[in-house]
Amino acid sequence: MKTSVERQKLESKLLGEQIKNIIACEGVDRKERH
Protein backbone atom coordinates (compact mmCIF):
# COMPACT_ATOMS: atom_id res chain seq x y z
CA MET A 1 0.00 0.00 0.00
CA LYS A 2 1.21 3.49 -0.86
CA THR A 3 0.33 4.68 2.63
CA SER A 4 2.50 1.99 4.23
CA VAL A 5 4.83 3.53 6.82
CA GLU A 6 6.97 0.38 6.63
CA ARG A 7 7.47 0.80 2.88
CA GLN A 8 8.44 4.46 3.33
CA LYS A 9 11.04 3.56 5.97
CA LEU A 10 12.37 0.69 3.88
CA GLU A 11 12.85 2.91 0.84
CA SER A 12 14.33 5.80 2.80
CA LYS A 13 16.62 3.98 5.25
CA LEU A 14 17.67 0.98 3.14
CA LEU A 15 17.16 1.50 -0.60
CA GLY A 16 17.90 5.23 -0.47
CA GLU A 17 21.14 4.59 1.42
CA GLN A 18 22.15 1.91 -1.10
CA ILE A 19 21.55 4.29 -4.01
CA LYS A 20 23.52 7.01 -2.24
CA ASN A 21 26.45 4.64 -1.77
CA ILE A 22 26.37 3.58 -5.44
CA ILE A 23 26.21 7.13 -6.81
CA ALA A 24 27.92 9.37 -4.26
CA CYS A 25 30.80 7.23 -2.99
CA GLU A 26 34.08 6.05 -4.49
CA GLY A 27 37.02 3.95 -3.39
CA VAL A 28 36.80 1.88 -0.24
CA ASP A 29 33.68 3.82 0.85
CA ARG A 30 31.64 2.37 -2.01
CA LYS A 31 30.38 -0.94 -0.64
CA GLU A 32 27.47 -1.56 -3.02
CA ARG A 33 29.56 -3.18 -5.78
CA HIS A 34 27.16 -5.73 -7.17
ModelCIF file with pLDDT and N, C-alpha, C, O atoms, coordinates in Angstrom:
data_MODEL
#
_entry.id   MODEL 
#
_entity.id                         1 
_entity.type                       polymer 
_entity.pdbx_number_of_molecules   1 
#
_entity_poly.entity_id                      1 
_entity_poly.type                           'polypeptide(L)' 
_entity_poly.nstd_linkage                   no 
_entity_poly.nstd_monomer                   no 
_entity_poly.pdbx_seq_one_letter_code       MKTSVERQKLESKLLGEQIKNIIACEGVDRKERH 
_entity_poly.pdbx_seq_one_letter_code_can   MKTSVERQKLESKLLGEQIKNIIACEGVDRKERH 
_entity_poly.pdbx_strand_id                 A 
#
loop_
_entity_poly_seq.entity_id 
_entity_poly_seq.num 
_entity_poly_seq.mon_id 
_entity_poly_seq.hetero 
1 1  MET n 
1 2  LYS n 
1 3  THR n 
1 4  SER n 
1 5  VAL n 
1 6  GLU n 
1 7  ARG n 
1 8  GLN n 
1 9  LYS n 
1 10 LEU n 
1 11 GLU n 
1 12 SER n 
1 13 LYS n 
1 14 LEU n 
1 15 LEU n 
1 16 GLY n 
1 17 GLU n 
1 18 GLN n 
1 19 ILE n 
1 20 LYS n 
1 21 ASN n 
1 22 ILE n 
1 23 ILE n 
1 24 ALA n 
1 25 CYS n 
1 26 GLU n 
1 27 GLY n 
1 28 VAL n 
1 29 ASP n 
1 30 ARG n 
1 31 LYS n 
1 32 GLU n 
1 33 ARG n 
1 34 HIS n 
#
_struct_asym.id          A 
_struct_asym.entity_id   1 
#
loop_
_ma_qa_metric.id 
_ma_qa_metric.mode 
_ma_qa_metric.name 
_ma_qa_metric.software_group_id 
_ma_qa_metric.type 
1 global pLDDT . pLDDT 
2 local  pLDDT . pLDDT 
#
_ma_qa_metric_global.metric_id      1 
_ma_qa_metric_global.metric_value   90.62 
_ma_qa_metric_global.model_id       1 
_ma_qa_metric_global.ordinal_id     1 
#
loop_
_ma_qa_metric_local.label_asym_id 
_ma_qa_metric_local.label_comp_id 
_ma_qa_metric_local.label_seq_id 
_ma_qa_metric_local.metric_id 
_ma_qa_metric_local.metric_value 
_ma_qa_metric_local.model_id 
_ma_qa_metric_local.ordinal_id 
A MET 1  2 81.00 1 1  
A LYS 2  2 71.00 1 2  
A THR 3  2 74.00 1 3  
A SER 4  2 85.00 1 4  
A VAL 5  2 90.00 1 5  
A GLU 6  2 91.00 1 6  
A ARG 7  2 92.00 1 7  
A GLN 8  2 91.00 1 8  
A LYS 9  2 92.00 1 9  
A LEU 10 2 94.00 1 10 
A GLU 11 2 94.00 1 11 
A SER 12 2 92.00 1 12 
A LYS 13 2 92.00 1 13 
A LEU 14 2 94.00 1 14 
A LEU 15 2 96.00 1 15 
A GLY 16 2 95.00 1 16 
A GLU 17 2 93.00 1 17 
A GLN 18 2 96.00 1 18 
A ILE 19 2 97.00 1 19 
A LYS 20 2 95.00 1 20 
A ASN 21 2 94.00 1 21 
A ILE 22 2 95.00 1 22 
A ILE 23 2 94.00 1 23 
A ALA 24 2 92.00 1 24 
A CYS 25 2 90.00 1 25 
A GLU 26 2 88.00 1 26 
A GLY 27 2 86.00 1 27 
A VAL 28 2 86.00 1 28 
A ASP 29 2 87.00 1 29 
A ARG 30 2 91.00 1 30 
A LYS 31 2 91.00 1 31 
A GLU 32 2 94.00 1 32 
A ARG 33 2 93.00 1 33 
A HIS 34 2 95.00 1 34 
#
loop_
_atom_site.group_PDB 
_atom_site.id 
_atom_site.type_symbol 
_atom_site.label_atom_id 
_atom_site.label_alt_id 
_atom_site.label_comp_id 
_atom_site.label_asym_id 
_atom_site.label_entity_id 
_atom_site.label_seq_id 
_atom_site.pdbx_PDB_ins_code 
_atom_site.Cartn_x 
_atom_site.Cartn_y 
_atom_site.Cartn_z 
_atom_site.occupancy 
_atom_site.B_iso_or_equiv 
_atom_site.pdbx_formal_charge 
_atom_site.auth_seq_id 
_atom_site.auth_comp_id 
_atom_site.auth_asym_id 
_atom_site.auth_atom_id 
_atom_site.pdbx_PDB_model_num 
ATOM 1   N N  . MET A 1 1  ? 0.826  -1.206 0.000  1.00 81.00 ? 1  MET A N  1 
ATOM 2   C CA . MET A 1 1  ? 0.000  0.000  0.000  1.00 81.00 ? 1  MET A CA 1 
ATOM 3   C C  . MET A 1 1  ? 0.864  1.261  0.000  1.00 81.00 ? 1  MET A C  1 
ATOM 4   O O  . MET A 1 1  ? 1.892  1.319  0.674  1.00 81.00 ? 1  MET A O  1 
ATOM 5   N N  . LYS A 1 2  ? 0.438  2.261  -0.758 1.00 71.00 ? 2  LYS A N  1 
ATOM 6   C CA . LYS A 1 2  ? 1.210  3.494  -0.864 1.00 71.00 ? 2  LYS A CA 1 
ATOM 7   C C  . LYS A 1 2  ? 1.292  4.243  0.463  1.00 71.00 ? 2  LYS A C  1 
ATOM 8   O O  . LYS A 1 2  ? 2.218  5.024  0.689  1.00 71.00 ? 2  LYS A O  1 
ATOM 9   N N  . THR A 1 3  ? 0.326  4.003  1.332  1.00 74.00 ? 3  THR A N  1 
ATOM 10  C CA . THR A 1 3  ? 0.334  4.680  2.635  1.00 74.00 ? 3  THR A CA 1 
ATOM 11  C C  . THR A 1 3  ? 1.137  3.920  3.684  1.00 74.00 ? 3  THR A C  1 
ATOM 12  O O  . THR A 1 3  ? 1.176  4.323  4.847  1.00 74.00 ? 3  THR A O  1 
ATOM 13  N N  . SER A 1 4  ? 1.774  2.829  3.283  1.00 85.00 ? 4  SER A N  1 
ATOM 14  C CA . SER A 1 4  ? 2.498  1.987  4.232  1.00 85.00 ? 4  SER A CA 1 
ATOM 15  C C  . SER A 1 4  ? 3.702  2.730  4.822  1.00 85.00 ? 4  SER A C  1 
ATOM 16  O O  . SER A 1 4  ? 4.611  3.133  4.097  1.00 85.00 ? 4  SER A O  1 
ATOM 17  N N  . VAL A 1 5  ? 3.692  2.903  6.141  1.00 90.00 ? 5  VAL A N  1 
ATOM 18  C CA . VAL A 1 5  ? 4.826  3.525  6.822  1.00 90.00 ? 5  VAL A CA 1 
ATOM 19  C C  . VAL A 1 5  ? 6.058  2.640  6.696  1.00 90.00 ? 5  VAL A C  1 
ATOM 20  O O  . VAL A 1 5  ? 7.175  3.137  6.560  1.00 90.00 ? 5  VAL A O  1 
ATOM 21  N N  . GLU A 1 6  ? 5.851  1.321  6.740  1.00 91.00 ? 6  GLU A N  1 
ATOM 22  C CA . GLU A 1 6  ? 6.967  0.377  6.629  1.00 91.00 ? 6  GLU A CA 1 
ATOM 23  C C  . GLU A 1 6  ? 7.660  0.515  5.272  1.00 91.00 ? 6  GLU A C  1 
ATOM 24  O O  . GLU A 1 6  ? 8.889  0.513  5.196  1.00 91.00 ? 6  GLU A O  1 
ATOM 25  N N  . ARG A 1 7  ? 6.867  0.634  4.198  1.00 92.00 ? 7  ARG A N  1 
ATOM 26  C CA . ARG A 1 7  ? 7.471  0.802  2.879  1.00 92.00 ? 7  ARG A CA 1 
ATOM 27  C C  . ARG A 1 7  ? 8.283  2.095  2.813  1.00 92.00 ? 7  ARG A C  1 
ATOM 28  O O  . ARG A 1 7  ? 9.389  2.107  2.272  1.00 92.00 ? 7  ARG A O  1 
ATOM 29  N N  . GLN A 1 8  ? 7.741  3.175  3.359  1.00 91.00 ? 8  GLN A N  1 
ATOM 30  C CA . GLN A 1 8  ? 8.442  4.458  3.333  1.00 91.00 ? 8  GLN A CA 1 
ATOM 31  C C  . GLN A 1 8  ? 9.779  4.377  4.068  1.00 91.00 ? 8  GLN A C  1 
ATOM 32  O O  . GLN A 1 8  ? 10.783 4.912  3.598  1.00 91.00 ? 8  GLN A O  1 
ATOM 33  N N  . LYS A 1 9  ? 9.790  3.708  5.220  1.00 92.00 ? 9  LYS A N  1 
ATOM 34  C CA . LYS A 1 9  ? 11.042 3.565  5.970  1.00 92.00 ? 9  LYS A CA 1 
ATOM 35  C C  . LYS A 1 9  ? 12.023 2.661  5.237  1.00 92.00 ? 9  LYS A C  1 
ATOM 36  O O  . LYS A 1 9  ? 13.225 2.927  5.214  1.00 92.00 ? 9  LYS A O  1 
ATOM 37  N N  . LEU A 1 10 ? 11.507 1.593  4.638  1.00 94.00 ? 10 LEU A N  1 
ATOM 38  C CA . LEU A 1 10 ? 12.367 0.687  3.877  1.00 94.00 ? 10 LEU A CA 1 
ATOM 39  C C  . LEU A 1 10 ? 13.043 1.435  2.736  1.00 94.00 ? 10 LEU A C  1 
ATOM 40  O O  . LEU A 1 10 ? 14.252 1.312  2.545  1.00 94.00 ? 10 LEU A O  1 
ATOM 41  N N  . GLU A 1 11 ? 12.278 2.203  1.983  1.00 94.00 ? 11 GLU A N  1 
ATOM 42  C CA . GLU A 1 11 ? 12.846 2.914  0.839  1.00 94.00 ? 11 GLU A CA 1 
ATOM 43  C C  . GLU A 1 11 ? 13.810 4.005  1.272  1.00 94.00 ? 11 GLU A C  1 
ATOM 44  O O  . GLU A 1 11 ? 14.839 4.217  0.630  1.00 94.00 ? 11 GLU A O  1 
ATOM 45  N N  . SER A 1 12 ? 13.485 4.692  2.347  1.00 92.00 ? 12 SER A N  1 
ATOM 46  C CA . SER A 1 12 ? 14.330 5.796  2.804  1.00 92.00 ? 12 SER A CA 1 
ATOM 47  C C  . SER A 1 12 ? 15.614 5.296  3.461  1.00 92.00 ? 12 SER A C  1 
ATOM 48  O O  . SER A 1 12 ? 16.707 5.739  3.108  1.00 92.00 ? 12 SER A O  1 
ATOM 49  N N  . LYS A 1 13 ? 15.483 4.377  4.411  1.00 92.00 ? 13 LYS A N  1 
ATOM 50  C CA . LYS A 1 13 ? 16.620 3.976  5.250  1.00 92.00 ? 13 LYS A CA 1 
ATOM 51  C C  . LYS A 1 13 ? 17.469 2.856  4.646  1.00 92.00 ? 13 LYS A C  1 
ATOM 52  O O  . LYS A 1 13 ? 18.633 2.699  5.014  1.00 92.00 ? 13 LYS A O  1 
ATOM 53  N N  . LEU A 1 14 ? 16.901 2.081  3.726  1.00 94.00 ? 14 LEU A N  1 
ATOM 54  C CA . LEU A 1 14 ? 17.671 0.982  3.140  1.00 94.00 ? 14 LEU A CA 1 
ATOM 55  C C  . LEU A 1 14 ? 17.967 1.251  1.670  1.00 94.00 ? 14 LEU A C  1 
ATOM 56  O O  . LEU A 1 14 ? 19.131 1.382  1.291  1.00 94.00 ? 14 LEU A O  1 
ATOM 57  N N  . LEU A 1 15 ? 16.928 1.335  0.834  1.00 96.00 ? 15 LEU A N  1 
ATOM 58  C CA . LEU A 1 15 ? 17.157 1.500  -0.603 1.00 96.00 ? 15 LEU A CA 1 
ATOM 59  C C  . LEU A 1 15 ? 17.794 2.849  -0.915 1.00 96.00 ? 15 LEU A C  1 
ATOM 60  O O  . LEU A 1 15 ? 18.701 2.934  -1.743 1.00 96.00 ? 15 LEU A O  1 
ATOM 61  N N  . GLY A 1 16 ? 17.317 3.908  -0.250 1.00 95.00 ? 16 GLY A N  1 
ATOM 62  C CA . GLY A 1 16 ? 17.898 5.230  -0.471 1.00 95.00 ? 16 GLY A CA 1 
ATOM 63  C C  . GLY A 1 16 ? 19.365 5.285  -0.102 1.00 95.00 ? 16 GLY A C  1 
ATOM 64  O O  . GLY A 1 16 ? 20.161 5.915  -0.798 1.00 95.00 ? 16 GLY A O  1 
ATOM 65  N N  . GLU A 1 17 ? 19.730 4.623  0.997  1.00 93.00 ? 17 GLU A N  1 
ATOM 66  C CA . GLU A 1 17 ? 21.138 4.593  1.416  1.00 93.00 ? 17 GLU A CA 1 
ATOM 67  C C  . GLU A 1 17 ? 21.986 3.776  0.450  1.00 93.00 ? 17 GLU A C  1 
ATOM 68  O O  . GLU A 1 17 ? 23.142 4.121  0.203  1.00 93.00 ? 17 GLU A O  1 
ATOM 69  N N  . GLN A 1 18 ? 21.427 2.692  -0.103 1.00 96.00 ? 18 GLN A N  1 
ATOM 70  C CA . GLN A 1 18 ? 22.151 1.908  -1.102 1.00 96.00 ? 18 GLN A CA 1 
ATOM 71  C C  . GLN A 1 18 ? 22.428 2.758  -2.346 1.00 96.00 ? 18 GLN A C  1 
ATOM 72  O O  . GLN A 1 18 ? 23.547 2.782  -2.858 1.00 96.00 ? 18 GLN A O  1 
ATOM 73  N N  . ILE A 1 19 ? 21.395 3.449  -2.819 1.00 97.00 ? 19 ILE A N  1 
ATOM 74  C CA . ILE A 1 19 ? 21.547 4.294  -4.008 1.00 97.00 ? 19 ILE A CA 1 
ATOM 75  C C  . ILE A 1 19 ? 22.591 5.383  -3.757 1.00 97.00 ? 19 ILE A C  1 
ATOM 76  O O  . ILE A 1 19 ? 23.417 5.674  -4.622 1.00 97.00 ? 19 ILE A O  1 
ATOM 77  N N  . LYS A 1 20 ? 22.546 5.972  -2.585 1.00 95.00 ? 20 LYS A N  1 
ATOM 78  C CA . LYS A 1 20 ? 23.520 7.013  -2.238 1.00 95.00 ? 20 LYS A CA 1 
ATOM 79  C C  . LYS A 1 20 ? 24.944 6.459  -2.271 1.00 95.00 ? 20 LYS A C  1 
ATOM 80  O O  . LYS A 1 20 ? 25.862 7.128  -2.747 1.00 95.00 ? 20 LYS A O  1 
ATOM 81  N N  . ASN A 1 21 ? 25.124 5.247  -1.770 1.00 94.00 ? 21 ASN A N  1 
ATOM 82  C CA . ASN A 1 21 ? 26.452 4.640  -1.768 1.00 94.00 ? 21 ASN A CA 1 
ATOM 83  C C  . ASN A 1 21 ? 26.929 4.356  -3.192 1.00 94.00 ? 21 ASN A C  1 
ATOM 84  O O  . ASN A 1 21 ? 28.102 4.555  -3.507 1.00 94.00 ? 21 ASN A O  1 
ATOM 85  N N  . ILE A 1 22 ? 26.024 3.893  -4.046 1.00 95.00 ? 22 ILE A N  1 
ATOM 86  C CA . ILE A 1 22 ? 26.371 3.578  -5.435 1.00 95.00 ? 22 ILE A CA 1 
ATOM 87  C C  . ILE A 1 22 ? 26.775 4.829  -6.202 1.00 95.00 ? 22 ILE A C  1 
ATOM 88  O O  . ILE A 1 22 ? 27.737 4.810  -6.970 1.00 95.00 ? 22 ILE A O  1 
ATOM 89  N N  . ILE A 1 23 ? 26.037 5.919  -5.994 1.00 94.00 ? 23 ILE A N  1 
ATOM 90  C CA . ILE A 1 23 ? 26.214 7.128  -6.809 1.00 94.00 ? 23 ILE A CA 1 
ATOM 91  C C  . ILE A 1 23 ? 27.213 8.103  -6.199 1.00 94.00 ? 23 ILE A C  1 
ATOM 92  O O  . ILE A 1 23 ? 28.028 8.683  -6.916 1.00 94.00 ? 23 ILE A O  1 
ATOM 93  N N  . ALA A 1 24 ? 27.158 8.289  -4.888 1.00 92.00 ? 24 ALA A N  1 
ATOM 94  C CA . ALA A 1 24 ? 27.922 9.365  -4.259 1.00 92.00 ? 24 ALA A CA 1 
ATOM 95  C C  . ALA A 1 24 ? 29.309 8.950  -3.794 1.00 92.00 ? 24 ALA A C  1 
ATOM 96  O O  . ALA A 1 24 ? 30.169 9.810  -3.601 1.00 92.00 ? 24 ALA A O  1 
ATOM 97  N N  . CYS A 1 25 ? 29.548 7.675  -3.611 1.00 90.00 ? 25 CYS A N  1 
ATOM 98  C CA . CYS A 1 25 ? 30.801 7.225  -2.986 1.00 90.00 ? 25 CYS A CA 1 
ATOM 99  C C  . CYS A 1 25 ? 31.753 6.602  -3.998 1.00 90.00 ? 25 CYS A C  1 
ATOM 100 O O  . CYS A 1 25 ? 31.335 6.068  -5.026 1.00 90.00 ? 25 CYS A O  1 
ATOM 101 N N  . GLU A 1 26 ? 33.030 6.680  -3.687 1.00 88.00 ? 26 GLU A N  1 
ATOM 102 C CA . GLU A 1 26 ? 34.077 6.054  -4.488 1.00 88.00 ? 26 GLU A CA 1 
ATOM 103 C C  . GLU A 1 26 ? 35.069 5.373  -3.563 1.00 88.00 ? 26 GLU A C  1 
ATOM 104 O O  . GLU A 1 26 ? 35.024 5.538  -2.344 1.00 88.00 ? 26 GLU A O  1 
ATOM 105 N N  . GLY A 1 27 ? 35.966 4.605  -4.169 1.00 86.00 ? 27 GLY A N  1 
ATOM 106 C CA . GLY A 1 27 ? 37.019 3.955  -3.395 1.00 86.00 ? 27 GLY A CA 1 
ATOM 107 C C  . GLY A 1 27 ? 36.471 2.977  -2.378 1.00 86.00 ? 27 GLY A C  1 
ATOM 108 O O  . GLY A 1 27 ? 35.441 2.342  -2.607 1.00 86.00 ? 27 GLY A O  1 
ATOM 109 N N  . VAL A 1 28 ? 37.156 2.857  -1.259 1.00 86.00 ? 28 VAL A N  1 
ATOM 110 C CA . VAL A 1 28 ? 36.795 1.877  -0.244 1.00 86.00 ? 28 VAL A CA 1 
ATOM 111 C C  . VAL A 1 28 ? 35.446 2.202  0.395  1.00 86.00 ? 28 VAL A C  1 
ATOM 112 O O  . VAL A 1 28 ? 34.831 1.324  1.000  1.00 86.00 ? 28 VAL A O  1 
ATOM 113 N N  . ASP A 1 29 ? 34.973 3.448  0.275  1.00 87.00 ? 29 ASP A N  1 
ATOM 114 C CA . ASP A 1 29 ? 33.678 3.823  0.850  1.00 87.00 ? 29 ASP A CA 1 
ATOM 115 C C  . ASP A 1 29 ? 32.505 3.244  0.063  1.00 87.00 ? 29 ASP A C  1 
ATOM 116 O O  . ASP A 1 29 ? 31.400 3.135  0.593  1.00 87.00 ? 29 ASP A O  1 
ATOM 117 N N  . ARG A 1 30 ? 32.734 2.877  -1.183 1.00 91.00 ? 30 ARG A N  1 
ATOM 118 C CA . ARG A 1 30 ? 31.636 2.371  -2.013 1.00 91.00 ? 30 ARG A CA 1 
ATOM 119 C C  . ARG A 1 30 ? 31.513 0.862  -1.834 1.00 91.00 ? 30 ARG A C  1 
ATOM 120 O O  . ARG A 1 30 ? 32.252 0.085  -2.438 1.00 91.00 ? 30 ARG A O  1 
ATOM 121 N N  . LYS A 1 31 ? 30.568 0.467  -0.994 1.00 91.00 ? 31 LYS A N  1 
ATOM 122 C CA . LYS A 1 31 ? 30.382 -0.944 -0.637 1.00 91.00 ? 31 LYS A CA 1 
ATOM 123 C C  . LYS A 1 31 ? 29.429 -1.678 -1.575 1.00 91.00 ? 31 LYS A C  1 
ATOM 124 O O  . LYS A 1 31 ? 29.531 -2.892 -1.748 1.00 91.00 ? 31 LYS A O  1 
ATOM 125 N N  . GLU A 1 32 ? 28.498 -0.931 -2.180 1.00 94.00 ? 32 GLU A N  1 
ATOM 126 C CA . GLU A 1 32 ? 27.470 -1.561 -3.025 1.00 94.00 ? 32 GLU A CA 1 
ATOM 127 C C  . GLU A 1 32 ? 28.039 -1.822 -4.415 1.00 94.00 ? 32 GLU A C  1 
ATOM 128 O O  . GLU A 1 32 ? 27.761 -1.079 -5.356 1.00 94.00 ? 32 GLU A O  1 
ATOM 129 N N  . ARG A 1 33 ? 28.833 -2.876 -4.539 1.00 93.00 ? 33 ARG A N  1 
ATOM 130 C CA . ARG A 1 33 ? 29.557 -3.181 -5.778 1.00 93.00 ? 33 ARG A CA 1 
ATOM 131 C C  . ARG A 1 33 ? 29.047 -4.492 -6.369 1.00 93.00 ? 33 ARG A C  1 
ATOM 132 O O  . ARG A 1 33 ? 29.786 -5.469 -6.488 1.00 93.00 ? 33 ARG A O  1 
ATOM 133 N N  . HIS A 1 34 ? 27.794 -4.489 -6.728 1.00 95.00 ? 34 HIS A N  1 
ATOM 134 C CA . HIS A 1 34 ? 27.165 -5.735 -7.168 1.00 95.00 ? 34 HIS A CA 1 
ATOM 135 C C  . HIS A 1 34 ? 27.675 -6.178 -8.533 1.00 95.00 ? 34 HIS A C  1 
ATOM 136 O O  . HIS A 1 34 ? 27.245 -7.210 -9.048 1.00 95.00 ? 34 HIS A O  1 
#
